[in-house]
């Protein structure tokens, strides 16, 4: 077996030639590697900055709503809309819609609840949003649209509340018999989510046979 022996000069030359051939590739790989690290750090910093800005907008909006400055609060809500993925937007939207209702401005509140209702990431708020949207639509005279919101299975824990709201909407439409069935469903619901059944019982009693006959 032939064994090649290199003196120090020959070995140095081989290393020099290898570096000349491979150094550009090594530099590119290093730049890409460092770029990935710094890019990820910049991404994290950007995310934290966005979260901080969203939190500031939410806090400012909350303070303005509490002090009755709804028009100024709208500016901060618009800022939150631009940071939809922050988590603060959904909470801010619920707060803003409630403030509109308190101010008697039902139309913009309905718009907010509609936008939330169409989302796929509000499952934990779906029952509350559906109730509020349905009742607002009914108050605006869109009772059929309100019933459409409440059609189908209610979110978990909202069976009684949704049945009661359905009964109220039927009553507003003069459908006493349908209202009575809905109130009965609310009374029979295993979970009223703390809304209570005393008022529902009064509503049910008020739709007795005499009320149904008077309606017909």
N, C-alpha and C. Protein backbone atom coordinates (compact mmCIF):
# COMPACT_ATOMS: atom_id res chain seq x y z
N UNK A 1 0.86 -1.17 0.00
CA UNK A 1 0.00 0.00 0.00
C UNK A 1 0.89 1.22 0.00
N UNK A 2 0.67 2.11 -0.96
CA UNK A 2 1.47 3.32 -1.05
C UNK A 2 0.95 4.32 -0.05
N UNK A 3 1.89 4.91 0.66
CA UNK A 3 1.52 5.93 1.64
C UNK A 3 2.16 7.23 1.21
N UNK A 4 1.26 8.25 1.03
CA UNK A 4 1.77 9.56 0.61
C UNK A 4 2.10 10.38 1.85
N UNK A 5 3.30 10.88 1.84
CA UNK A 5 3.74 11.73 2.93
C UNK A 5 3.92 13.15 2.41
N UNK A 6 3.37 14.11 3.19
CA UNK A 6 3.47 15.52 2.79
C UNK A 6 4.28 16.27 3.85
N UNK A 7 5.17 17.08 3.39
CA UNK A 7 5.83 17.93 4.37
C UNK A 7 4.93 19.12 4.70
N UNK A 8 5.31 19.96 5.61
CA UNK A 8 4.47 21.06 6.08
C UNK A 8 4.08 22.00 4.94
N UNK A 9 5.00 22.24 4.01
CA UNK A 9 4.69 23.14 2.91
C UNK A 9 3.60 22.56 2.02
N UNK A 10 3.69 21.26 1.71
CA UNK A 10 2.70 20.62 0.85
C UNK A 10 1.33 20.60 1.53
N UNK A 11 1.31 20.31 2.82
CA UNK A 11 0.04 20.30 3.53
C UNK A 11 -0.58 21.70 3.55
N UNK A 12 0.25 22.71 3.77
CA UNK A 12 -0.24 24.10 3.77
C UNK A 12 -0.85 24.48 2.43
N UNK A 13 -0.22 24.04 1.35
CA UNK A 13 -0.72 24.33 0.02
C UNK A 13 -2.08 23.67 -0.21
N UNK A 14 -2.24 22.44 0.25
CA UNK A 14 -3.52 21.74 0.09
C UNK A 14 -4.64 22.46 0.84
N UNK A 15 -4.31 22.92 2.06
CA UNK A 15 -5.32 23.66 2.86
C UNK A 15 -5.69 24.96 2.16
N UNK A 16 -4.67 25.67 1.65
CA UNK A 16 -4.93 26.94 0.99
C UNK A 16 -5.82 26.75 -0.22
N UNK A 17 -5.54 25.70 -1.03
CA UNK A 17 -6.35 25.46 -2.22
C UNK A 17 -7.78 25.07 -1.84
N UNK A 18 -7.91 24.28 -0.75
CA UNK A 18 -9.26 23.86 -0.30
C UNK A 18 -10.09 25.08 0.15
N UNK A 19 -9.44 26.00 0.87
CA UNK A 19 -10.13 27.21 1.33
C UNK A 19 -10.54 28.08 0.15
N UNK A 20 -9.65 28.21 -0.82
CA UNK A 20 -9.98 29.00 -2.00
C UNK A 20 -11.21 28.45 -2.71
N UNK A 21 -11.31 27.12 -2.73
CA UNK A 21 -12.43 26.49 -3.44
C UNK A 21 -13.72 26.55 -2.65
N UNK A 22 -13.62 26.48 -1.33
CA UNK A 22 -14.83 26.32 -0.51
C UNK A 22 -15.19 27.54 0.35
N UNK A 23 -14.29 28.50 0.47
CA UNK A 23 -14.57 29.65 1.33
C UNK A 23 -15.83 30.42 0.93
N UNK A 24 -16.06 30.69 -0.37
CA UNK A 24 -17.29 31.42 -0.72
C UNK A 24 -18.56 30.71 -0.23
N UNK A 25 -18.57 29.37 -0.38
CA UNK A 25 -19.74 28.61 0.08
C UNK A 25 -19.90 28.71 1.58
N UNK A 26 -18.78 28.64 2.31
CA UNK A 26 -18.82 28.74 3.76
C UNK A 26 -19.33 30.11 4.21
N UNK A 27 -18.89 31.15 3.52
CA UNK A 27 -19.32 32.50 3.88
C UNK A 27 -20.83 32.65 3.67
N UNK A 28 -21.30 32.16 2.52
CA UNK A 28 -22.74 32.24 2.24
C UNK A 28 -23.54 31.48 3.29
N UNK A 29 -23.09 30.29 3.65
CA UNK A 29 -23.79 29.50 4.66
C UNK A 29 -23.83 30.22 6.00
N UNK A 30 -22.70 30.86 6.35
CA UNK A 30 -22.64 31.59 7.61
C UNK A 30 -23.58 32.78 7.61
N UNK A 31 -23.61 33.50 6.50
CA UNK A 31 -24.49 34.67 6.39
C UNK A 31 -25.95 34.25 6.52
N UNK A 32 -26.30 33.16 5.83
CA UNK A 32 -27.67 32.67 5.90
C UNK A 32 -28.03 32.26 7.32
N UNK A 33 -27.09 31.58 7.97
CA UNK A 33 -27.33 31.11 9.34
C UNK A 33 -27.54 32.29 10.29
N UNK A 34 -26.64 33.27 10.22
CA UNK A 34 -26.76 34.45 11.08
C UNK A 34 -28.01 35.26 10.74
N UNK A 35 -28.31 35.32 9.44
CA UNK A 35 -29.51 36.04 9.02
C UNK A 35 -30.78 35.43 9.59
N UNK A 36 -30.79 34.08 9.62
CA UNK A 36 -31.96 33.40 10.19
C UNK A 36 -32.11 33.70 11.66
N UNK A 37 -31.00 33.71 12.40
CA UNK A 37 -31.05 34.00 13.84
C UNK A 37 -31.53 35.42 14.07
N UNK A 38 -30.89 36.38 13.39
CA UNK A 38 -31.28 37.78 13.59
C UNK A 38 -32.68 38.05 13.06
N UNK A 39 -33.04 37.36 11.97
CA UNK A 39 -34.40 37.55 11.42
C UNK A 39 -35.45 37.07 12.39
N UNK A 40 -35.19 35.94 13.04
CA UNK A 40 -36.15 35.42 14.02
C UNK A 40 -36.24 36.35 15.24
N UNK A 41 -35.09 36.88 15.66
CA UNK A 41 -35.10 37.82 16.78
C UNK A 41 -35.89 39.08 16.42
N UNK A 42 -35.71 39.56 15.20
CA UNK A 42 -36.46 40.74 14.77
C UNK A 42 -37.95 40.44 14.71
N UNK A 43 -38.29 39.21 14.26
CA UNK A 43 -39.69 38.82 14.21
C UNK A 43 -40.29 38.82 15.62
N UNK A 44 -39.56 38.22 16.57
CA UNK A 44 -40.04 38.20 17.95
C UNK A 44 -40.21 39.61 18.50
N UNK A 45 -39.25 40.47 18.24
CA UNK A 45 -39.33 41.84 18.71
C UNK A 45 -40.51 42.57 18.09
N UNK A 46 -40.75 42.27 16.79
CA UNK A 46 -41.89 42.89 16.12
C UNK A 46 -43.21 42.43 16.70
N UNK A 47 -43.30 41.12 17.03
CA UNK A 47 -44.51 40.59 17.64
C UNK A 47 -44.77 41.22 19.00
N UNK A 48 -43.73 41.35 19.81
CA UNK A 48 -43.87 41.96 21.12
C UNK A 48 -44.28 43.41 21.00
N UNK A 49 -43.71 44.12 20.04
CA UNK A 49 -44.07 45.52 19.83
C UNK A 49 -45.53 45.66 19.41
N UNK A 50 -45.98 44.75 18.53
CA UNK A 50 -47.37 44.79 18.08
C UNK A 50 -48.33 44.49 19.23
N UNK A 51 -47.97 43.52 20.07
CA UNK A 51 -48.79 43.20 21.24
C UNK A 51 -48.86 44.40 22.18
N UNK A 52 -47.73 45.05 22.39
CA UNK A 52 -47.70 46.22 23.27
C UNK A 52 -48.55 47.35 22.73
N UNK A 53 -48.50 47.58 21.42
CA UNK A 53 -49.30 48.63 20.81
C UNK A 53 -50.79 48.31 20.92
N UNK A 54 -51.13 47.03 20.71
CA UNK A 54 -52.54 46.61 20.82
C UNK A 54 -53.03 46.77 22.25
N UNK A 55 -52.21 46.41 23.22
CA UNK A 55 -52.59 46.55 24.63
C UNK A 55 -52.81 48.02 24.98
N UNK A 56 -51.94 48.89 24.47
CA UNK A 56 -52.09 50.32 24.74
C UNK A 56 -53.38 50.87 24.13
N UNK A 57 -53.67 50.45 22.90
CA UNK A 57 -54.90 50.91 22.24
C UNK A 57 -56.14 50.42 23.00
N UNK A 58 -56.09 49.17 23.44
CA UNK A 58 -57.22 48.61 24.18
C UNK A 58 -57.44 49.36 25.50
N UNK A 59 -56.35 49.61 26.23
CA UNK A 59 -56.45 50.31 27.51
C UNK A 59 -56.98 51.73 27.31
N UNK A 60 -56.48 52.41 26.29
CA UNK A 60 -56.95 53.77 26.01
C UNK A 60 -58.42 53.78 25.62
N UNK A 61 -58.82 52.82 24.78
CA UNK A 61 -60.21 52.72 24.37
C UNK A 61 -61.12 52.46 25.56
N UNK A 62 -60.70 51.57 26.43
CA UNK A 62 -61.48 51.24 27.61
C UNK A 62 -61.70 52.47 28.49
N UNK A 63 -60.62 53.23 28.70
CA UNK A 63 -60.74 54.45 29.51
C UNK A 63 -61.66 55.48 28.90
N UNK A 64 -61.59 55.64 27.59
CA UNK A 64 -62.45 56.62 26.91
C UNK A 64 -63.91 56.20 26.96
N UNK A 65 -64.17 54.91 26.82
CA UNK A 65 -65.56 54.43 26.91
C UNK A 65 -66.11 54.67 28.31
N UNK A 66 -65.31 54.36 29.31
CA UNK A 66 -65.76 54.54 30.69
C UNK A 66 -66.01 56.01 31.02
N UNK A 67 -65.31 56.90 30.34
CA UNK A 67 -65.51 58.34 30.59
C UNK A 67 -66.53 58.96 29.63
N UNK A 68 -67.18 58.10 28.81
CA UNK A 68 -68.23 58.58 27.93
C UNK A 68 -67.76 59.24 26.65
N UNK A 69 -66.50 59.09 26.30
CA UNK A 69 -65.95 59.72 25.09
C UNK A 69 -65.92 58.68 23.96
N UNK A 70 -67.10 58.33 23.49
CA UNK A 70 -67.23 57.23 22.54
C UNK A 70 -66.58 57.55 21.20
N UNK A 71 -66.72 58.79 20.75
CA UNK A 71 -66.15 59.16 19.44
C UNK A 71 -64.63 59.00 19.44
N UNK A 72 -63.99 59.39 20.53
CA UNK A 72 -62.54 59.24 20.60
C UNK A 72 -62.15 57.77 20.75
N UNK A 73 -62.99 57.01 21.44
CA UNK A 73 -62.72 55.58 21.59
C UNK A 73 -62.73 54.86 20.25
N UNK A 74 -63.55 55.36 19.33
CA UNK A 74 -63.64 54.75 18.00
C UNK A 74 -62.29 54.76 17.29
N UNK A 75 -61.50 55.82 17.49
CA UNK A 75 -60.19 55.90 16.83
C UNK A 75 -59.29 54.76 17.30
N UNK A 76 -59.31 54.48 18.59
CA UNK A 76 -58.47 53.41 19.11
C UNK A 76 -59.01 52.04 18.70
N UNK A 77 -60.32 51.94 18.57
CA UNK A 77 -60.89 50.68 18.09
C UNK A 77 -60.45 50.40 16.66
N UNK A 78 -60.41 51.43 15.83
CA UNK A 78 -59.92 51.26 14.46
C UNK A 78 -58.47 50.81 14.45
N UNK A 79 -57.69 51.31 15.42
CA UNK A 79 -56.30 50.87 15.52
C UNK A 79 -56.23 49.39 15.88
N UNK A 80 -57.14 48.94 16.76
CA UNK A 80 -57.18 47.52 17.11
C UNK A 80 -57.58 46.65 15.92
N UNK A 81 -58.45 47.18 15.07
CA UNK A 81 -58.86 46.41 13.89
C UNK A 81 -57.68 46.10 12.99
N UNK A 82 -56.68 46.96 13.02
CA UNK A 82 -55.47 46.72 12.23
C UNK A 82 -54.55 45.70 12.86
N UNK A 83 -54.87 45.29 14.08
CA UNK A 83 -54.06 44.28 14.79
C UNK A 83 -54.96 43.13 15.18
N UNK A 84 -55.65 42.61 14.21
CA UNK A 84 -56.69 41.60 14.42
C UNK A 84 -56.17 40.36 15.12
N UNK A 85 -54.89 40.02 14.92
CA UNK A 85 -54.35 38.78 15.47
C UNK A 85 -53.77 38.96 16.86
N UNK A 86 -53.96 40.13 17.46
CA UNK A 86 -53.34 40.39 18.76
C UNK A 86 -54.09 39.76 19.92
N UNK A 87 -55.35 39.42 19.73
CA UNK A 87 -56.16 38.91 20.84
C UNK A 87 -56.94 40.01 21.51
N UNK A 88 -56.43 41.24 21.42
CA UNK A 88 -57.14 42.37 22.02
C UNK A 88 -58.31 42.82 21.14
N UNK A 89 -58.25 42.51 19.86
CA UNK A 89 -59.30 43.00 18.96
C UNK A 89 -60.67 42.45 19.35
N UNK A 90 -60.76 41.13 19.60
CA UNK A 90 -62.07 40.54 19.90
C UNK A 90 -62.65 41.12 21.20
N UNK A 91 -61.79 41.28 22.21
CA UNK A 91 -62.26 41.87 23.46
C UNK A 91 -62.67 43.33 23.25
N UNK A 92 -61.87 44.05 22.47
CA UNK A 92 -62.20 45.44 22.18
C UNK A 92 -63.48 45.57 21.38
N UNK A 93 -63.70 44.63 20.47
CA UNK A 93 -64.92 44.67 19.66
C UNK A 93 -66.15 44.44 20.52
N UNK A 94 -66.08 43.49 21.45
CA UNK A 94 -67.20 43.24 22.35
C UNK A 94 -67.48 44.47 23.21
N UNK A 95 -66.43 45.11 23.69
CA UNK A 95 -66.59 46.28 24.53
C UNK A 95 -67.18 47.45 23.74
N UNK A 96 -66.69 47.61 22.51
CA UNK A 96 -67.17 48.72 21.68
C UNK A 96 -68.63 48.52 21.30
N UNK A 97 -69.01 47.29 20.97
CA UNK A 97 -70.41 47.01 20.61
C UNK A 97 -71.32 47.29 21.79
N UNK A 98 -70.91 46.88 22.99
CA UNK A 98 -71.72 47.13 24.19
C UNK A 98 -71.86 48.63 24.44
N UNK A 99 -70.79 49.37 24.19
CA UNK A 99 -70.84 50.82 24.38
C UNK A 99 -71.80 51.47 23.37
N UNK A 100 -71.80 50.97 22.14
CA UNK A 100 -72.75 51.49 21.14
C UNK A 100 -74.19 51.24 21.59
N UNK A 101 -74.45 50.06 22.12
CA UNK A 101 -75.80 49.74 22.58
C UNK A 101 -76.21 50.68 23.71
N UNK A 102 -75.30 50.90 24.66
CA UNK A 102 -75.59 51.80 25.78
C UNK A 102 -75.89 53.21 25.29
N UNK A 103 -75.26 53.58 24.18
CA UNK A 103 -75.47 54.91 23.62
C UNK A 103 -76.68 54.96 22.68
N UNK A 104 -77.37 53.82 22.53
CA UNK A 104 -78.54 53.77 21.64
C UNK A 104 -78.20 53.70 20.17
N UNK A 105 -76.96 53.37 19.87
CA UNK A 105 -76.51 53.27 18.47
C UNK A 105 -76.46 51.79 18.09
N UNK A 106 -77.61 51.26 17.72
CA UNK A 106 -77.71 49.83 17.49
C UNK A 106 -77.05 49.37 16.19
N UNK A 107 -77.13 50.19 15.15
CA UNK A 107 -76.60 49.78 13.84
C UNK A 107 -75.11 49.43 13.88
N UNK A 108 -74.24 50.31 14.43
CA UNK A 108 -72.81 49.93 14.47
C UNK A 108 -72.55 48.74 15.39
N UNK A 109 -73.37 48.60 16.44
CA UNK A 109 -73.21 47.43 17.31
C UNK A 109 -73.52 46.15 16.55
N UNK A 110 -74.58 46.19 15.75
CA UNK A 110 -74.95 45.01 14.94
C UNK A 110 -73.83 44.68 13.96
N UNK A 111 -73.25 45.70 13.35
CA UNK A 111 -72.16 45.47 12.39
C UNK A 111 -70.99 44.75 13.07
N UNK A 112 -70.66 45.17 14.29
CA UNK A 112 -69.54 44.53 15.00
C UNK A 112 -69.87 43.08 15.32
N UNK A 113 -71.08 42.86 15.87
CA UNK A 113 -71.45 41.49 16.23
C UNK A 113 -71.55 40.60 14.99
N UNK A 114 -72.01 41.14 13.89
CA UNK A 114 -72.05 40.34 12.65
C UNK A 114 -70.65 39.93 12.23
N UNK A 115 -69.70 40.87 12.31
CA UNK A 115 -68.33 40.55 11.90
C UNK A 115 -67.73 39.48 12.81
N UNK A 116 -68.05 39.54 14.09
CA UNK A 116 -67.55 38.52 15.02
C UNK A 116 -68.25 37.18 14.80
N UNK A 117 -69.55 37.24 14.52
CA UNK A 117 -70.33 36.01 14.34
C UNK A 117 -69.81 35.18 13.18
N UNK A 118 -69.29 35.83 12.16
CA UNK A 118 -68.81 35.12 10.99
C UNK A 118 -67.43 34.53 11.13
N UNK A 119 -66.80 34.71 12.29
CA UNK A 119 -65.43 34.22 12.47
C UNK A 119 -65.44 32.78 12.98
N UNK A 120 -64.34 32.11 12.75
CA UNK A 120 -64.22 30.71 13.19
C UNK A 120 -63.40 30.59 14.47
N UNK A 121 -62.90 31.72 14.99
CA UNK A 121 -62.02 31.66 16.16
C UNK A 121 -62.66 32.31 17.39
N UNK A 122 -63.99 32.34 17.45
CA UNK A 122 -64.67 32.97 18.59
C UNK A 122 -65.57 31.96 19.30
N UNK A 123 -65.19 30.68 19.27
CA UNK A 123 -66.08 29.65 19.79
C UNK A 123 -66.47 29.91 21.24
N UNK A 124 -65.53 30.39 22.05
CA UNK A 124 -65.83 30.62 23.46
C UNK A 124 -66.80 31.79 23.66
N UNK A 125 -66.91 32.67 22.67
CA UNK A 125 -67.80 33.82 22.77
C UNK A 125 -69.04 33.68 21.90
N UNK A 126 -69.15 32.57 21.21
CA UNK A 126 -70.21 32.44 20.20
C UNK A 126 -71.61 32.54 20.80
N UNK A 127 -71.82 31.93 21.96
CA UNK A 127 -73.14 31.99 22.58
C UNK A 127 -73.54 33.40 22.93
N UNK A 128 -72.63 34.14 23.55
CA UNK A 128 -72.93 35.51 23.95
C UNK A 128 -73.12 36.41 22.74
N UNK A 129 -72.27 36.26 21.74
CA UNK A 129 -72.39 37.08 20.53
C UNK A 129 -73.71 36.80 19.82
N UNK A 130 -74.07 35.51 19.71
CA UNK A 130 -75.33 35.15 19.06
C UNK A 130 -76.53 35.74 19.76
N UNK A 131 -76.54 35.66 21.09
CA UNK A 131 -77.66 36.24 21.86
C UNK A 131 -77.79 37.73 21.62
N UNK A 132 -76.67 38.42 21.74
CA UNK A 132 -76.71 39.88 21.59
C UNK A 132 -77.11 40.28 20.17
N UNK A 133 -76.55 39.59 19.19
CA UNK A 133 -76.87 39.92 17.80
C UNK A 133 -78.34 39.67 17.51
N UNK A 134 -78.86 38.53 17.96
CA UNK A 134 -80.27 38.20 17.70
C UNK A 134 -81.20 39.22 18.35
N UNK A 135 -80.93 39.61 19.56
CA UNK A 135 -81.80 40.57 20.25
C UNK A 135 -81.73 41.95 19.61
N UNK A 136 -80.55 42.33 19.16
CA UNK A 136 -80.42 43.63 18.49
C UNK A 136 -81.15 43.63 17.15
N UNK A 137 -81.01 42.54 16.40
CA UNK A 137 -81.72 42.45 15.12
C UNK A 137 -83.23 42.51 15.34
N UNK A 138 -83.70 41.83 16.37
CA UNK A 138 -85.13 41.87 16.68
C UNK A 138 -85.56 43.28 17.05
N UNK A 139 -84.74 43.99 17.83
CA UNK A 139 -85.05 45.36 18.21
C UNK A 139 -85.09 46.29 17.01
N UNK A 140 -84.32 45.96 15.99
CA UNK A 140 -84.30 46.76 14.77
C UNK A 140 -85.40 46.36 13.79
N UNK A 141 -86.21 45.38 14.16
CA UNK A 141 -87.30 44.95 13.29
C UNK A 141 -86.94 43.83 12.34
N UNK A 142 -85.73 43.27 12.48
CA UNK A 142 -85.30 42.17 11.61
C UNK A 142 -85.47 40.85 12.36
N UNK A 143 -86.71 40.54 12.72
CA UNK A 143 -86.97 39.37 13.56
C UNK A 143 -86.63 38.06 12.85
N UNK A 144 -86.90 37.98 11.57
CA UNK A 144 -86.58 36.75 10.83
C UNK A 144 -85.07 36.50 10.82
N UNK A 145 -84.29 37.57 10.63
CA UNK A 145 -82.83 37.43 10.67
C UNK A 145 -82.38 37.01 12.07
N UNK A 146 -83.06 37.54 13.08
CA UNK A 146 -82.72 37.19 14.46
C UNK A 146 -82.96 35.70 14.71
N UNK A 147 -84.09 35.19 14.24
CA UNK A 147 -84.38 33.76 14.41
C UNK A 147 -83.38 32.90 13.65
N UNK A 148 -82.91 33.39 12.52
CA UNK A 148 -81.92 32.64 11.74
C UNK A 148 -80.62 32.50 12.52
N UNK A 149 -80.25 33.52 13.28
CA UNK A 149 -79.05 33.44 14.10
C UNK A 149 -79.18 32.34 15.14
N UNK A 150 -80.37 32.20 15.71
CA UNK A 150 -80.59 31.25 16.80
C UNK A 150 -81.02 29.87 16.30
N UNK A 151 -81.13 29.71 15.01
CA UNK A 151 -81.54 28.41 14.47
C UNK A 151 -80.44 27.37 14.68
N UNK A 152 -80.85 26.13 14.77
CA UNK A 152 -79.88 25.05 14.95
C UNK A 152 -79.48 24.89 16.41
N UNK A 153 -78.46 24.09 16.64
CA UNK A 153 -78.03 23.79 18.01
C UNK A 153 -77.34 25.00 18.64
N UNK A 154 -77.66 25.22 19.91
CA UNK A 154 -77.03 26.32 20.64
C UNK A 154 -75.62 25.92 21.08
N UNK A 155 -74.74 26.89 21.26
CA UNK A 155 -73.42 26.57 21.81
C UNK A 155 -73.55 25.94 23.20
N UNK A 156 -72.53 25.25 23.61
CA UNK A 156 -72.56 24.54 24.89
C UNK A 156 -72.87 25.52 26.03
N UNK A 157 -73.88 25.16 26.83
CA UNK A 157 -74.24 25.98 27.98
C UNK A 157 -75.25 27.05 27.70
N UNK A 158 -75.64 27.23 26.43
CA UNK A 158 -76.54 28.31 26.07
C UNK A 158 -77.91 27.81 25.60
N UNK A 159 -78.22 26.56 25.82
CA UNK A 159 -79.50 26.02 25.34
C UNK A 159 -80.68 26.80 25.91
N UNK A 160 -80.68 27.01 27.22
CA UNK A 160 -81.79 27.72 27.85
C UNK A 160 -81.88 29.16 27.41
N UNK A 161 -80.75 29.84 27.37
CA UNK A 161 -80.73 31.25 26.99
C UNK A 161 -81.18 31.44 25.54
N UNK A 162 -80.74 30.55 24.66
CA UNK A 162 -81.13 30.67 23.26
C UNK A 162 -82.62 30.36 23.07
N UNK A 163 -83.12 29.37 23.81
CA UNK A 163 -84.55 29.06 23.71
C UNK A 163 -85.39 30.22 24.22
N UNK A 164 -84.95 30.84 25.31
CA UNK A 164 -85.69 32.00 25.83
C UNK A 164 -85.69 33.15 24.83
N UNK A 165 -84.51 33.43 24.24
CA UNK A 165 -84.43 34.51 23.25
C UNK A 165 -85.31 34.21 22.04
N UNK A 166 -85.33 32.95 21.64
CA UNK A 166 -86.19 32.55 20.52
C UNK A 166 -87.65 32.80 20.87
N UNK A 167 -88.04 32.47 22.11
CA UNK A 167 -89.41 32.75 22.55
C UNK A 167 -89.72 34.23 22.54
N UNK A 168 -88.80 35.04 23.01
CA UNK A 168 -89.02 36.50 23.02
C UNK A 168 -89.21 37.05 21.61
N UNK A 169 -88.41 36.53 20.68
CA UNK A 169 -88.52 37.02 19.30
C UNK A 169 -89.86 36.60 18.70
N UNK A 170 -90.27 35.37 18.96
CA UNK A 170 -91.58 34.93 18.47
C UNK A 170 -92.70 35.79 19.07
N UNK A 171 -92.57 36.15 20.32
CA UNK A 171 -93.58 37.01 20.95
C UNK A 171 -93.63 38.37 20.28
N UNK A 172 -92.46 38.91 19.93
CA UNK A 172 -92.42 40.21 19.25
C UNK A 172 -93.06 40.14 17.87
N UNK A 173 -93.09 38.93 17.30
CA UNK A 173 -93.71 38.72 15.99
C UNK A 173 -95.18 38.33 16.12
N UNK A 174 -95.64 38.14 17.37
CA UNK A 174 -97.03 37.75 17.58
C UNK A 174 -97.25 36.25 17.48
N UNK A 175 -96.18 35.48 17.46
CA UNK A 175 -96.29 34.02 17.37
C UNK A 175 -96.32 33.42 18.78
N UNK A 176 -97.48 33.52 19.42
CA UNK A 176 -97.57 33.14 20.83
C UNK A 176 -97.33 31.65 21.04
N UNK A 177 -97.89 30.82 20.18
CA UNK A 177 -97.74 29.38 20.35
C UNK A 177 -96.29 28.95 20.19
N UNK A 178 -95.62 29.51 19.18
CA UNK A 178 -94.20 29.18 19.00
C UNK A 178 -93.37 29.69 20.18
N UNK A 179 -93.75 30.86 20.69
CA UNK A 179 -93.05 31.41 21.85
C UNK A 179 -93.20 30.49 23.05
N UNK A 180 -94.43 29.98 23.26
CA UNK A 180 -94.67 29.08 24.39
C UNK A 180 -93.80 27.83 24.29
N UNK A 181 -93.67 27.27 23.10
CA UNK A 181 -92.84 26.08 22.94
C UNK A 181 -91.38 26.40 23.26
N UNK A 182 -90.96 27.56 22.85
CA UNK A 182 -89.56 27.94 23.12
C UNK A 182 -89.33 28.15 24.61
N UNK A 183 -90.27 28.80 25.28
CA UNK A 183 -90.13 29.01 26.73
C UNK A 183 -90.13 27.66 27.46
N UNK A 184 -90.93 26.73 26.98
CA UNK A 184 -90.95 25.40 27.60
C UNK A 184 -89.58 24.73 27.41
N UNK A 185 -89.01 24.88 26.24
CA UNK A 185 -87.68 24.32 26.00
C UNK A 185 -86.65 24.96 26.92
N UNK A 186 -86.79 26.27 27.16
CA UNK A 186 -85.87 26.95 28.06
C UNK A 186 -86.01 26.42 29.48
N UNK A 187 -87.24 26.21 29.91
CA UNK A 187 -87.48 25.68 31.25
C UNK A 187 -86.94 24.26 31.39
N UNK A 188 -87.01 23.50 30.33
CA UNK A 188 -86.55 22.11 30.36
C UNK A 188 -85.04 21.98 30.15
N UNK A 189 -84.39 23.07 29.85
CA UNK A 189 -82.96 23.01 29.57
C UNK A 189 -82.19 22.62 30.83
N UNK A 190 -81.26 21.69 30.72
CA UNK A 190 -80.50 21.25 31.89
C UNK A 190 -79.51 22.29 32.40
N UNK A 191 -79.20 23.27 31.59
CA UNK A 191 -78.19 24.26 31.97
C UNK A 191 -78.66 25.62 31.51
N UNK A 192 -79.04 26.47 32.47
CA UNK A 192 -79.50 27.80 32.10
C UNK A 192 -78.39 28.83 32.17
N UNK A 193 -77.14 28.36 32.45
CA UNK A 193 -75.95 29.21 32.49
C UNK A 193 -76.11 30.37 33.47
N UNK A 194 -76.91 30.18 34.49
CA UNK A 194 -77.06 31.22 35.50
C UNK A 194 -78.05 32.31 35.15
N UNK A 195 -78.74 32.17 34.01
CA UNK A 195 -79.70 33.21 33.64
C UNK A 195 -80.97 33.12 34.49
N UNK A 196 -81.23 32.00 35.11
CA UNK A 196 -82.39 31.85 35.97
C UNK A 196 -83.63 31.47 35.19
N UNK A 197 -84.57 30.84 35.90
CA UNK A 197 -85.79 30.37 35.23
C UNK A 197 -87.05 31.07 35.71
N UNK A 198 -86.94 31.90 36.76
CA UNK A 198 -88.14 32.55 37.29
C UNK A 198 -88.83 33.41 36.24
N UNK A 199 -88.07 34.24 35.55
CA UNK A 199 -88.65 35.10 34.52
C UNK A 199 -89.18 34.27 33.36
N UNK A 200 -88.46 33.22 33.00
CA UNK A 200 -88.90 32.36 31.91
C UNK A 200 -90.24 31.71 32.28
N UNK A 201 -90.38 31.32 33.52
CA UNK A 201 -91.64 30.72 33.97
C UNK A 201 -92.80 31.71 33.83
N UNK A 202 -92.55 32.98 34.19
CA UNK A 202 -93.58 34.01 34.03
C UNK A 202 -93.96 34.18 32.56
N UNK A 203 -92.95 34.16 31.71
CA UNK A 203 -93.20 34.30 30.27
C UNK A 203 -94.01 33.11 29.76
N UNK A 204 -93.64 31.95 30.22
CA UNK A 204 -94.35 30.74 29.80
C UNK A 204 -95.81 30.79 30.26
N UNK A 205 -96.02 31.19 31.51
CA UNK A 205 -97.38 31.27 32.04
C UNK A 205 -98.21 32.29 31.26
N UNK A 206 -97.53 33.37 30.81
CA UNK A 206 -98.25 34.41 30.07
C UNK A 206 -98.65 33.97 28.67
N UNK A 207 -98.13 32.84 28.22
CA UNK A 207 -98.49 32.32 26.90
C UNK A 207 -99.40 31.11 27.02
N UNK A 208 -100.17 31.06 28.11
CA UNK A 208 -101.07 29.94 28.33
C UNK A 208 -102.16 29.86 27.29
N UNK A 209 -103.05 28.88 27.42
CA UNK A 209 -104.12 28.67 26.43
C UNK A 209 -104.91 29.93 26.11
N UNK A 210 -105.18 30.75 27.14
CA UNK A 210 -105.93 31.97 26.89
C UNK A 210 -105.20 32.91 25.96
N UNK A 211 -103.89 33.03 26.15
CA UNK A 211 -103.09 33.92 25.28
C UNK A 211 -103.04 33.38 23.88
N UNK A 212 -102.93 32.06 23.74
CA UNK A 212 -102.89 31.46 22.39
C UNK A 212 -104.21 31.68 21.67
N UNK A 213 -105.32 31.50 22.39
CA UNK A 213 -106.64 31.70 21.76
C UNK A 213 -106.82 33.17 21.38
N UNK A 214 -106.36 34.08 22.25
CA UNK A 214 -106.50 35.49 21.92
C UNK A 214 -105.69 35.84 20.69
N UNK A 215 -104.53 35.21 20.57
CA UNK A 215 -103.66 35.48 19.41
C UNK A 215 -104.30 34.98 18.13
N UNK A 216 -105.01 33.83 18.21
CA UNK A 216 -105.62 33.27 17.01
C UNK A 216 -106.94 33.94 16.69
